[in-house]
Amino acid sequence: MLAEMHKGDASTFKNREDFFFEPKIDGVRCLAYVENGTQKLIGRAGNDYTSKFPEIQIRLKDCSSAVIDGELFDTDFGTTQSRVHSKAVSTRGGAVFYGFTILAKDGENLCSQGERSRKNILMECFHGDGIKTLFDTEDLDILWASVEKHSMEGVMAKRKNGCYHPGKRTFIWIKIKTWKTDEFWIAGVTKGIGYREAKFGAFVLANDKKEYVGCCSGFDDKILQNAEKYFEDSGVAKITQTPKTTQIKTWYEPKIKAKVRFLEYGTGGHLRFPVFEGFV
């Protein structure tokens, strides 16, 4: 089951007695299939991650088999992704499998039970090395303050009586992200596709050191129609660490800044999920 994204701020969920809240983990989703002392960690696309995370050893209490939905995490998103895509068996150690909810126990399908009930069952039987369940609370203010203090990705709001719908995106789980905002130089535009083909696709962004940090869209048709006339073509890149793409339409003199909302700085200082909010 996948979560929907909440487009407003966290205050919408204050005093909501039908939800509980957990910190959001920025890792890699997978299902853990555990039976009679053996386990498999299977990703959303069906990839087997078991050998990539040998330090995770799930043991069950008072049952012999279970299917658990959760997330693999090692240090940060980039490190976790590297381990997932590595062809070698890992000897690194240090990863954690965070169990979110239990889908089956001793062959019994639990998906029709409510979210709170399934988590209670999970906490009773989920044990082992390199595994954790997430702290949860009904006090969003306390959790939100902690998430912001530790620069975490956000909060998951979970409907207490919500059933589990495999493979579907629902509002039973809702992502509330902590976004950052900063200003970046517009150093060019990418080629547009579809109805944007005659205009452009995204702004190419650079930091104050004139280093490439990513591309952002999120602008409306008015900006799409009029933005290009305000920029001065440079003919060549005036920034360093340029993107490895053939999709650049035009390079600009970096003289105009954009206000950009983004999740965090990722690998190489690049922005994760950047969205244009306006010109500075």
C-alpha atoms as a PDB file:
ATOM      1  CA  MET A   1       0.000   0.000   0.000  1.00  0.00           C
ATOM      2  CA  LEU A   2       1.263   3.451  -0.893  1.00  0.00           C
ATOM      3  CA  ALA A   3       0.646   6.770   0.846  1.00  0.00           C
ATOM      4  CA  GLU A   4      -0.910   9.872  -0.646  1.00  0.00           C
ATOM      5  CA  MET A   5       0.931  13.178  -0.319  1.00  0.00           C
ATOM      6  CA  HIS A   6      -0.608  15.894   1.863  1.00  0.00           C
ATOM      7  CA  LYS A   7      -0.370  19.200  -0.005  1.00  0.00           C
ATOM      8  CA  GLY A   8      -1.011  21.485   2.968  1.00  0.00           C
ATOM      9  CA  ASP A   9       0.817  21.965   6.237  1.00  0.00           C
ATOM     10  CA  ALA A  10       0.743  19.719   9.277  1.00  0.00           C
ATOM     11  CA  SER A  11      -1.777  21.878  11.185  1.00  0.00           C
ATOM     12  CA  THR A  12      -4.583  20.228   9.181  1.00  0.00           C
ATOM     13  CA  PHE A  13      -4.107  17.105  11.271  1.00  0.00           C
ATOM     14  CA  LYS A  14      -4.078  18.691  14.713  1.00  0.00           C
ATOM     15  CA  ASN A  15      -6.573  17.141  17.124  1.00  0.00           C
ATOM     16  CA  ARG A  16      -7.536  14.423  14.629  1.00  0.00           C
ATOM     17  CA  GLU A  17      -8.578  11.534  16.836  1.00  0.00           C
ATOM     18  CA  ASP A  18      -8.938   9.153  13.868  1.00  0.00           C
ATOM     19  CA  PHE A  19      -5.188   9.206  13.091  1.00  0.00           C
ATOM     20  CA  PHE A  20      -1.927   8.357  14.794  1.00  0.00           C
ATOM     21  CA  PHE A  21       1.453   9.636  13.613  1.00  0.00           C
ATOM     22  CA  GLU A  22       4.905   8.167  12.964  1.00  0.00           C
ATOM     23  CA  PRO A  23       8.188   9.693  11.751  1.00  0.00           C
ATOM     24  CA  LYS A  24       8.705   9.121   8.032  1.00  0.00           C
ATOM     25  CA  ILE A  25      11.724   7.013   7.113  1.00  0.00           C
ATOM     26  CA  ASP A  26      13.535   7.928   3.886  1.00  0.00           C
ATOM     27  CA  GLY A  27      14.688   4.487   2.838  1.00  0.00           C
ATOM     28  CA  VAL A  28      13.606   1.687   0.492  1.00  0.00           C
ATOM     29  CA  ARG A  29      10.253  -0.059   0.894  1.00  0.00           C
ATOM     30  CA  CYS A  30      10.132  -3.826   1.006  1.00  0.00           C
ATOM     31  CA  LEU A  31       8.100  -6.756   2.258  1.00  0.00           C
ATOM     32  CA  ALA A  32       9.629  -9.224   4.689  1.00  0.00           C
ATOM     33  CA  TYR A  33       8.440 -12.819   4.250  1.00  0.00           C
ATOM     34  CA  VAL A  34       9.354 -14.808   7.351  1.00  0.00           C
ATOM     35  CA  GLU A  35       8.648 -18.502   7.815  1.00  0.00           C
ATOM     36  CA  ASN A  36      10.148 -21.120  10.141  1.00  0.00           C
ATOM     37  CA  GLY A  37      13.338 -19.161  10.758  1.00  0.00           C
ATOM     38  CA  THR A  38      13.994 -18.134   7.139  1.00  0.00           C
ATOM     39  CA  GLN A  39      13.342 -14.757   5.592  1.00  0.00           C
ATOM     40  CA  LYS A  40      13.200 -12.920   2.293  1.00  0.00           C
ATOM     41  CA  LEU A  41      13.293  -9.132   1.832  1.00  0.00           C
ATOM     42  CA  ILE A  42      11.489  -8.316  -1.416  1.00  0.00           C
ATOM     43  CA  GLY A  43      11.317  -4.822  -2.958  1.00  0.00           C
ATOM     44  CA  ARG A  44       8.332  -3.212  -4.652  1.00  0.00           C
ATOM     45  CA  ALA A  45       9.546  -4.294  -8.103  1.00  0.00           C
ATOM     46  CA  GLY A  46      10.058  -7.875  -6.935  1.00  0.00           C
ATOM     47  CA  ASN A  47      13.813  -7.587  -6.378  1.00  0.00           C
ATOM     48  CA  ASP A  48      15.296  -9.792  -3.665  1.00  0.00           C
ATOM     49  CA  TYR A  49      17.316  -7.685  -1.183  1.00  0.00           C
ATOM     50  CA  THR A  50      17.936 -10.460   1.344  1.00  0.00           C
ATOM     51  CA  SER A  51      21.653 -10.969   0.628  1.00  0.00           C
ATOM     52  CA  LYS A  52      22.284  -7.217   0.512  1.00  0.00           C
ATOM     53  CA  PHE A  53      21.285  -6.798   4.174  1.00  0.00           C
ATOM     54  CA  PRO A  54      22.631  -9.872   6.025  1.00  0.00           C
ATOM     55  CA  GLU A  55      22.666  -8.018   9.346  1.00  0.00           C
ATOM     56  CA  ILE A  56      18.862  -7.999   9.392  1.00  0.00           C
ATOM     57  CA  GLN A  57      17.636 -11.163  11.081  1.00  0.00           C
ATOM     58  CA  ILE A  58      13.916 -11.266  11.846  1.00  0.00           C
ATOM     59  CA  ARG A  59      12.675 -13.610  14.541  1.00  0.00           C
ATOM     60  CA  LEU A  60       9.015 -14.153  15.363  1.00  0.00           C
ATOM     61  CA  LYS A  61       7.447 -14.650  18.766  1.00  0.00           C
ATOM     62  CA  ASP A  62       4.338 -16.805  19.228  1.00  0.00           C
ATOM     63  CA  CYS A  63       3.989 -17.494  15.510  1.00  0.00           C
ATOM     64  CA  SER A  64       5.884 -19.351  12.774  1.00  0.00           C
ATOM     65  CA  SER A  65       5.240 -17.165   9.719  1.00  0.00           C
ATOM     66  CA  ALA A  66       4.440 -13.556   8.883  1.00  0.00           C
ATOM     67  CA  VAL A  67       4.427 -11.027   6.054  1.00  0.00           C
ATOM     68  CA  ILE A  68       5.595  -7.594   7.217  1.00  0.00           C
ATOM     69  CA  ASP A  69       5.561  -4.316   5.281  1.00  0.00           C
ATOM     70  CA  GLY A  70       8.397  -1.978   6.128  1.00  0.00           C
ATOM     71  CA  GLU A  71      11.411   0.013   5.021  1.00  0.00           C
ATOM     72  CA  LEU A  72      15.130  -0.651   4.757  1.00  0.00           C
ATOM     73  CA  PHE A  73      17.367   2.171   5.945  1.00  0.00           C
ATOM     74  CA  ASP A  74      21.126   2.616   6.290  1.00  0.00           C
ATOM     75  CA  THR A  75      22.483   6.041   7.332  1.00  0.00           C
ATOM     76  CA  ASP A  76      20.676   8.057   4.635  1.00  0.00           C
ATOM     77  CA  PHE A  77      18.744   7.670   1.401  1.00  0.00           C
ATOM     78  CA  GLY A  78      21.848   7.638  -0.809  1.00  0.00           C
ATOM     79  CA  THR A  79      23.627   4.937   1.200  1.00  0.00           C
ATOM     80  CA  THR A  80      20.518   2.761   1.269  1.00  0.00           C
ATOM     81  CA  GLN A  81      20.083   3.119  -2.495  1.00  0.00           C
ATOM     82  CA  SER A  82      23.733   2.184  -3.072  1.00  0.00           C
ATOM     83  CA  ARG A  83      23.331  -1.023  -1.094  1.00  0.00           C
ATOM     84  CA  VAL A  84      20.105  -1.929  -2.854  1.00  0.00           C
ATOM     85  CA  HIS A  85      21.689  -1.532  -6.299  1.00  0.00           C
ATOM     86  CA  SER A  86      25.040  -3.129  -5.447  1.00  0.00           C
ATOM     87  CA  LYS A  87      25.694  -6.500  -7.074  1.00  0.00           C
ATOM     88  CA  ALA A  88      27.926  -7.644  -4.233  1.00  0.00           C
ATOM     89  CA  VAL A  89      26.865  -9.271  -0.984  1.00  0.00           C
ATOM     90  CA  SER A  90      27.217  -6.578   1.659  1.00  0.00           C
ATOM     91  CA  THR A  91      29.485  -6.906   4.677  1.00  0.00           C
ATOM     92  CA  ARG A  92      28.885  -3.307   5.785  1.00  0.00           C
ATOM     93  CA  GLY A  93      26.316  -3.839   8.548  1.00  0.00           C
ATOM     94  CA  GLY A  94      24.375  -1.093  10.279  1.00  0.00           C
ATOM     95  CA  ALA A  95      21.104  -1.190   8.355  1.00  0.00           C
ATOM     96  CA  VAL A  96      17.685  -1.379   9.994  1.00  0.00           C
ATOM     97  CA  PHE A  97      14.416  -2.854   8.765  1.00  0.00           C
ATOM     98  CA  TYR A  98      11.620  -0.694  10.155  1.00  0.00           C
ATOM     99  CA  GLY A  99       8.430  -2.743  10.350  1.00  0.00           C
ATOM    100  CA  PHE A 100       5.349  -0.639   9.550  1.00  0.00           C
ATOM    101  CA  THR A 101       2.550  -3.163   9.682  1.00  0.00           C
ATOM    102  CA  ILE A 102       1.852  -6.889   9.510  1.00  0.00           C
ATOM    103  CA  LEU A 103      -0.177  -8.272   6.593  1.00  0.00           C
ATOM    104  CA  ALA A 104      -0.362 -11.949   7.482  1.00  0.00           C
ATOM    105  CA  LYS A 105       0.383 -14.152  10.483  1.00  0.00           C
ATOM    106  CA  ASP A 106       0.490 -17.961  10.410  1.00  0.00           C
ATOM    107  CA  GLY A 107      -1.342 -17.888   7.083  1.00  0.00           C
ATOM    108  CA  GLU A 108      -4.141 -15.581   8.280  1.00  0.00           C
ATOM    109  CA  ASN A 109      -4.682 -12.495   6.109  1.00  0.00           C
ATOM    110  CA  LEU A 110      -4.782  -9.432   8.399  1.00  0.00           C
ATOM    111  CA  CYS A 111      -5.297  -6.745   5.739  1.00  0.00           C
ATOM    112  CA  SER A 112      -8.948  -6.212   6.669  1.00  0.00           C
ATOM    113  CA  GLN A 113      -8.033  -5.298  10.234  1.00  0.00           C
ATOM    114  CA  GLY A 114      -7.509  -1.651  11.193  1.00  0.00           C
ATOM    115  CA  GLU A 115      -4.106   0.029  11.146  1.00  0.00           C
ATOM    116  CA  ARG A 116      -3.830   0.262  14.935  1.00  0.00           C
ATOM    117  CA  SER A 117      -4.833  -3.365  15.409  1.00  0.00           C
ATOM    118  CA  ARG A 118      -2.269  -4.585  12.860  1.00  0.00           C
ATOM    119  CA  LYS A 119       0.517  -2.547  14.435  1.00  0.00           C
ATOM    120  CA  ASN A 120      -0.307  -3.950  17.878  1.00  0.00           C
ATOM    121  CA  ILE A 121      -0.052  -7.488  16.473  1.00  0.00           C
ATOM    122  CA  LEU A 122       3.258  -6.596  14.808  1.00  0.00           C
ATOM    123  CA  MET A 123       4.749  -5.282  18.035  1.00  0.00           C
ATOM    124  CA  GLU A 124       3.819  -8.501  19.854  1.00  0.00           C
ATOM    125  CA  CYS A 125       5.552 -10.861  17.411  1.00  0.00           C
ATOM    126  CA  PHE A 126       8.308  -8.789  15.707  1.00  0.00           C
ATOM    127  CA  HIS A 127      11.789  -9.405  17.145  1.00  0.00           C
ATOM    128  CA  GLY A 128      15.358  -9.941  15.972  1.00  0.00           C
ATOM    129  CA  ASP A 129      18.568  -8.161  14.968  1.00  0.00           C
ATOM    130  CA  GLY A 130      18.579  -5.004  12.848  1.00  0.00           C
ATOM    131  CA  ILE A 131      14.834  -4.502  13.171  1.00  0.00           C
ATOM    132  CA  LYS A 132      12.669  -1.834  14.764  1.00  0.00           C
ATOM    133  CA  THR A 133       9.079  -0.675  14.930  1.00  0.00           C
ATOM    134  CA  LEU A 134       8.408   3.040  14.662  1.00  0.00           C
ATOM    135  CA  PHE A 135       7.458   5.174  17.632  1.00  0.00           C
ATOM    136  CA  ASP A 136       3.955   6.543  17.198  1.00  0.00           C
ATOM    137  CA  THR A 137       1.869   9.164  18.949  1.00  0.00           C
ATOM    138  CA  GLU A 138      -1.435  10.985  18.687  1.00  0.00           C
ATOM    139  CA  ASP A 139       0.290  14.261  19.610  1.00  0.00           C
ATOM    140  CA  LEU A 140       1.379  15.638  16.244  1.00  0.00           C
ATOM    141  CA  ASP A 141       2.942  18.793  17.717  1.00  0.00           C
ATOM    142  CA  ILE A 142       5.502  16.856  19.755  1.00  0.00           C
ATOM    143  CA  LEU A 143       6.433  14.560  16.867  1.00  0.00           C
ATOM    144  CA  TRP A 144       6.602  17.410  14.353  1.00  0.00           C
ATOM    145  CA  ALA A 145       8.977  19.382  16.586  1.00  0.00           C
ATOM    146  CA  SER A 146      11.257  16.342  16.884  1.00  0.00           C
ATOM    147  CA  VAL A 147      11.184  15.661  13.136  1.00  0.00           C
ATOM    148  CA  GLU A 148      12.130  19.261  12.337  1.00  0.00           C
ATOM    149  CA  LYS A 149      14.851  19.314  15.004  1.00  0.00           C
ATOM    150  CA  HIS A 150      16.515  16.220  13.538  1.00  0.00           C
ATOM    151  CA  SER A 151      15.987  17.291   9.892  1.00  0.00           C
ATOM    152  CA  MET A 152      13.901  14.228   9.104  1.00  0.00           C
ATOM    153  CA  GLU A 153      11.811  13.871   5.957  1.00  0.00           C
ATOM    154  CA  GLY A 154       8.419  14.286   7.570  1.00  0.00           C
ATOM    155  CA  VAL A 155       5.557  12.498   9.293  1.00  0.00           C
ATOM    156  CA  MET A 156       3.207   9.699   8.296  1.00  0.00           C
ATOM    157  CA  ALA A 157      -0.423  10.124   9.334  1.00  0.00           C
ATOM    158  CA  LYS A 158      -2.152   6.734   9.593  1.00  0.00           C
ATOM    159  CA  ARG A 159      -5.889   6.223   9.923  1.00  0.00           C
ATOM    160  CA  LYS A 160      -6.489   4.031  12.969  1.00  0.00           C
ATOM    161  CA  ASN A 161      -9.300   1.947  11.488  1.00  0.00           C
ATOM    162  CA  GLY A 162      -7.922   1.896   7.920  1.00  0.00           C
ATOM    163  CA  CYS A 163      -7.605  -1.444   6.143  1.00  0.00           C
ATOM    164  CA  TYR A 164      -4.529  -2.352   4.092  1.00  0.00           C
ATOM    165  CA  HIS A 165      -4.959  -2.277   0.297  1.00  0.00           C
ATOM    166  CA  PRO A 166      -1.991  -4.041  -1.387  1.00  0.00           C
ATOM    167  CA  GLY A 167      -0.487  -2.127  -4.295  1.00  0.00           C
ATOM    168  CA  LYS A 168      -2.920   0.797  -4.035  1.00  0.00           C
ATOM    169  CA  ARG A 169      -2.273   4.445  -3.153  1.00  0.00           C
ATOM    170  CA  THR A 170      -4.749   5.537  -0.487  1.00  0.00           C
ATOM    171  CA  PHE A 171      -5.456   8.250   2.077  1.00  0.00           C
ATOM    172  CA  ILE A 172      -5.226   5.663   4.857  1.00  0.00           C
ATOM    173  CA  TRP A 173      -1.519   6.534   4.915  1.00  0.00           C
ATOM    174  CA  ILE A 174      -0.703  10.202   4.294  1.00  0.00           C
ATOM    175  CA  LYS A 175       2.772  11.728   3.882  1.00  0.00           C
ATOM    176  CA  ILE A 176       3.300  15.129   5.493  1.00  0.00           C
ATOM    177  CA  LYS A 177       6.745  16.348   4.462  1.00  0.00           C
ATOM    178  CA  THR A 178       8.997  18.943   6.036  1.00  0.00           C
ATOM    179  CA  TRP A 179      10.044  21.133   3.130  1.00  0.00           C
ATOM    180  CA  LYS A 180      12.985  23.517   2.939  1.00  0.00           C
ATOM    181  CA  THR A 181      13.072  26.752   0.935  1.00  0.00           C
ATOM    182  CA  ASP A 182      16.045  28.581  -0.562  1.00  0.00           C
ATOM    183  CA  GLU A 183      17.046  30.809  -3.477  1.00  0.00           C
ATOM    184  CA  PHE A 184      19.010  29.602  -6.515  1.00  0.00           C
ATOM    185  CA  TRP A 185      20.339  31.111  -9.735  1.00  0.00           C
ATOM    186  CA  ILE A 186      18.527  30.198 -12.962  1.00  0.00           C
ATOM    187  CA  ALA A 187      21.299  29.139 -15.326  1.00  0.00           C
ATOM    188  CA  GLY A 188      19.273  27.739 -18.213  1.00  0.00           C
ATOM    189  CA  VAL A 189      16.242  25.736 -19.255  1.00  0.00           C
ATOM    190  CA  THR A 190      15.705  22.177 -20.439  1.00  0.00           C
ATOM    191  CA  LYS A 191      13.806  21.147 -23.550  1.00  0.00           C
ATOM    192  CA  GLY A 192      10.069  20.795 -23.168  1.00  0.00           C
ATOM    193  CA  ILE A 193       8.033  17.782 -24.201  1.00  0.00           C
ATOM    194  CA  GLY A 194       4.372  17.445 -25.103  1.00  0.00           C
ATOM    195  CA  TYR A 195       2.524  20.744 -24.901  1.00  0.00           C
ATOM    196  CA  ARG A 196       5.717  22.366 -23.581  1.00  0.00           C
ATOM    197  CA  GLU A 197       7.762  21.413 -26.632  1.00  0.00           C
ATOM    198  CA  ALA A 198       7.643  24.926 -28.097  1.00  0.00           C
ATOM    199  CA  LYS A 199       8.670  26.467 -24.758  1.00  0.00           C
ATOM    200  CA  PHE A 200      10.778  24.720 -22.119  1.00  0.00           C
ATOM    201  CA  GLY A 201      10.609  21.967 -19.530  1.00  0.00           C
ATOM    202  CA  ALA A 202      12.385  23.100 -16.367  1.00  0.00           C
ATOM    203  CA  PHE A 203      14.751  25.693 -14.942  1.00  0.00           C
ATOM    204  CA  VAL A 204      18.379  24.645 -14.500  1.00  0.00           C
ATOM    205  CA  LEU A 205      19.475  25.757 -11.031  1.00  0.00           C
ATOM    206  CA  ALA A 206      22.817  26.741  -9.484  1.00  0.00           C
ATOM    207  CA  ASN A 207      23.888  27.729  -5.984  1.00  0.00           C
ATOM    208  CA  ASP A 208      25.814  30.894  -5.074  1.00  0.00           C
ATOM    209  CA  LYS A 209      29.063  29.162  -6.062  1.00  0.00           C
ATOM    210  CA  LYS A 210      27.521  28.741  -9.533  1.00  0.00           C
ATOM    211  CA  GLU A 211      27.473  24.971  -9.114  1.00  0.00           C
ATOM    212  CA  TYR A 212      24.662  22.938 -10.640  1.00  0.00           C
ATOM    213  CA  VAL A 213      22.166  21.703  -8.011  1.00  0.00           C
ATOM    214  CA  GLY A 214      19.257  20.396 -10.082  1.00  0.00           C
ATOM    215  CA  CYS A 215      16.280  21.278 -12.268  1.00  0.00           C
ATOM    216  CA  CYS A 216      12.862  22.407 -11.105  1.00  0.00           C
ATOM    217  CA  SER A 217       9.420  22.818 -12.592  1.00  0.00           C
ATOM    218  CA  GLY A 218       6.140  23.590 -10.859  1.00  0.00           C
ATOM    219  CA  PHE A 219       5.403  26.847 -12.699  1.00  0.00           C
ATOM    220  CA  ASP A 220       2.085  27.802 -14.280  1.00  0.00           C
ATOM    221  CA  ASP A 221       1.274  28.536 -17.935  1.00  0.00           C
ATOM    222  CA  LYS A 222       1.812  32.277 -17.472  1.00  0.00           C
ATOM    223  CA  ILE A 223       5.430  31.744 -16.462  1.00  0.00           C
ATOM    224  CA  LEU A 224       5.839  29.137 -19.187  1.00  0.00           C
ATOM    225  CA  GLN A 225       4.696  31.639 -21.820  1.00  0.00           C
ATOM    226  CA  ASN A 226       6.624  34.696 -20.616  1.00  0.00           C
ATOM    227  CA  ALA A 227       9.678  33.664 -18.600  1.00  0.00           C
ATOM    228  CA  GLU A 228      12.191  33.246 -21.416  1.00  0.00           C
ATOM    229  CA  LYS A 229      12.051  36.883 -22.506  1.00  0.00           C
ATOM    230  CA  TYR A 230      13.518  37.987 -19.164  1.00  0.00           C
ATOM    231  CA  PHE A 231      16.731  35.967 -19.529  1.00  0.00           C
ATOM    232  CA  GLU A 232      19.934  36.633 -21.431  1.00  0.00           C
ATOM    233  CA  ASP A 233      21.242  33.725 -23.491  1.00  0.00           C
ATOM    234  CA  SER A 234      24.875  32.886 -22.742  1.00  0.00           C
ATOM    235  CA  GLY A 235      25.420  30.268 -25.440  1.00  0.00           C
ATOM    236  CA  VAL A 236      27.490  28.124 -23.073  1.00  0.00           C
ATOM    237  CA  ALA A 237      27.154  26.986 -19.490  1.00  0.00           C
ATOM    238  CA  LYS A 238      28.203  29.618 -16.958  1.00  0.00           C
ATOM    239  CA  ILE A 239      28.065  27.133 -14.090  1.00  0.00           C
ATOM    240  CA  THR A 240      30.231  24.198 -12.995  1.00  0.00           C
ATOM    241  CA  GLN A 241      29.266  20.558 -12.522  1.00  0.00           C
ATOM    242  CA  THR A 242      26.733  20.821 -15.338  1.00  0.00           C
ATOM    243  CA  PRO A 243      24.085  18.103 -15.662  1.00  0.00           C
ATOM    244  CA  LYS A 244      24.917  15.050 -17.758  1.00  0.00           C
ATOM    245  CA  THR A 245      22.058  15.496 -20.179  1.00  0.00           C
ATOM    246  CA  THR A 246      21.411  16.324 -23.810  1.00  0.00           C
ATOM    247  CA  GLN A 247      18.144  17.947 -22.810  1.00  0.00           C
ATOM    248  CA  ILE A 248      19.453  21.498 -22.269  1.00  0.00           C
ATOM    249  CA  LYS A 249      17.614  23.914 -24.551  1.00  0.00           C
ATOM    250  CA  THR A 250      19.341  27.181 -23.640  1.00  0.00           C
ATOM    251  CA  TRP A 251      22.035  28.342 -21.223  1.00  0.00           C
ATOM    252  CA  TYR A 252      21.452  31.699 -19.490  1.00  0.00           C
ATOM    253  CA  GLU A 253      23.583  34.233 -17.754  1.00  0.00           C
ATOM    254  CA  PRO A 254      22.798  33.464 -14.095  1.00  0.00           C
ATOM    255  CA  LYS A 255      21.382  36.875 -13.163  1.00  0.00           C
ATOM    256  CA  ILE A 256      17.891  35.974 -11.932  1.00  0.00           C
ATOM    257  CA  LYS A 257      17.115  33.896  -8.869  1.00  0.00           C
ATOM    258  CA  ALA A 258      14.231  31.534  -8.155  1.00  0.00           C
ATOM    259  CA  LYS A 259      12.685  30.692  -4.818  1.00  0.00           C
ATOM    260  CA  VAL A 260      12.613  26.900  -4.645  1.00  0.00           C
ATOM    261  CA  ARG A 261      10.964  24.482  -2.231  1.00  0.00           C
ATOM    262  CA  PHE A 262      12.738  21.136  -1.829  1.00  0.00           C
ATOM    263  CA  LEU A 263      12.959  18.177   0.494  1.00  0.00           C
ATOM    264  CA  GLU A 264      16.687  18.138   1.208  1.00  0.00           C
ATOM    265  CA  TYR A 265      20.159  18.253  -0.298  1.00  0.00           C
ATOM    266  CA  GLY A 266      20.995  14.848  -1.714  1.00  0.00           C
ATOM    267  CA  THR A 267      24.097  13.236  -3.167  1.00  0.00           C
ATOM    268  CA  GLY A 268      26.567  15.763  -4.559  1.00  0.00           C
ATOM    269  CA  GLY A 269      24.607  18.683  -3.147  1.00  0.00           C
ATOM    270  CA  HIS A 270      21.743  18.181  -5.588  1.00  0.00           C
ATOM    271  CA  LEU A 271      18.204  19.101  -4.541  1.00  0.00           C
ATOM    272  CA  ARG A 272      15.667  16.372  -3.945  1.00  0.00           C
ATOM    273  CA  PHE A 273      12.141  17.078  -5.230  1.00  0.00           C
ATOM    274  CA  PRO A 274      12.697  20.772  -6.104  1.00  0.00           C
ATOM    275  CA  VAL A 275       9.595  22.841  -6.912  1.00  0.00           C
ATOM    276  CA  PHE A 276       9.590  26.392  -8.291  1.00  0.00           C
ATOM    277  CA  GLU A 277       7.762  28.881  -6.044  1.00  0.00           C
ATOM    278  CA  GLY A 278       8.531  32.204  -7.708  1.00  0.00           C
ATOM    279  CA  PHE A 279      11.171  34.668  -8.855  1.00  0.00           C
ATOM    280  CA  VAL A 280      13.195  36.586  -6.297  1.00  0.00           C
END
